[in-house]
């Protein structure tokens, strides 16, 4: 019997159907060895019922298994940059703030073009519109977005994603440490479980950078295990900050405060 819990949204400020589709899409990678994903029990626009994962303390062994399994999840792939999970399209909402997916007709030709428009400038425009980001600050983001579109930081996907034949990896999309649970179920060979995704087609380095953003137990063990089964492209460490720019901007939109200052510190390294 599955122990479950419910999320509710009666004001149209969350995208529960999108989250349900994302959970199911990520779970499609499990038979091949991808990370376990919390099961969707039922989903409506105003209520999502999902499996409650029993957690335990992090261990080195579990971290190794998580790293290997995450590489397999990414290798399940996506049909284009920004692609939404199967069976749903639209924008993920967090307290009414949108993070867009991309329809096939509008699919960007490169990761840099996708990331610049849909994961950097989309948030910068929200900050400018409400007066939190002044023109001289916005100009720094715009310059970096231009370089992204030019392909300056486009890099190969990790090995398993390339081997799958997919251009885009299947991302969790919001993979901070709180959305990677250390699973107490000994039957779970992957050691962890994913919750609360904003899944889409992107670059695998984005999920890995997000894990590092706010700290994660045994992070280096996870990264080493990932890199062992699906080697990362040369220079990936130098791109970590770039991949962290989008979540930092989203936090600036949601919470204000010092997050915009942190985003500016990051982006100035890539101008």
Foldseek 3Di string as FASTA:
>chain_A
DFDKDKDFDPDQQFAFVLQQLLQVQLCVLVVVLAFAAWHWPDDDRTMTMTGDFDFDDDDLLLLLLQLQRNLSSQLVADAAFQAGGPPDAFFGGDRNDTQHGDDPVRGDPAQLQSCLPRQQVSLVVLCVVVPNADPVLVVLSVVLSVVSSVVVPGFQAWASNVVSVHRFTWDQAQQAQVQWGQGPPPVRSSRTYGHDGRIGTHGSLLNLLNNPPVHHPPSVSSNVSNCVVTNGTPPSVVCSLVSVLRVLSVCCSVPNDCSSVVSSVSSVVRD
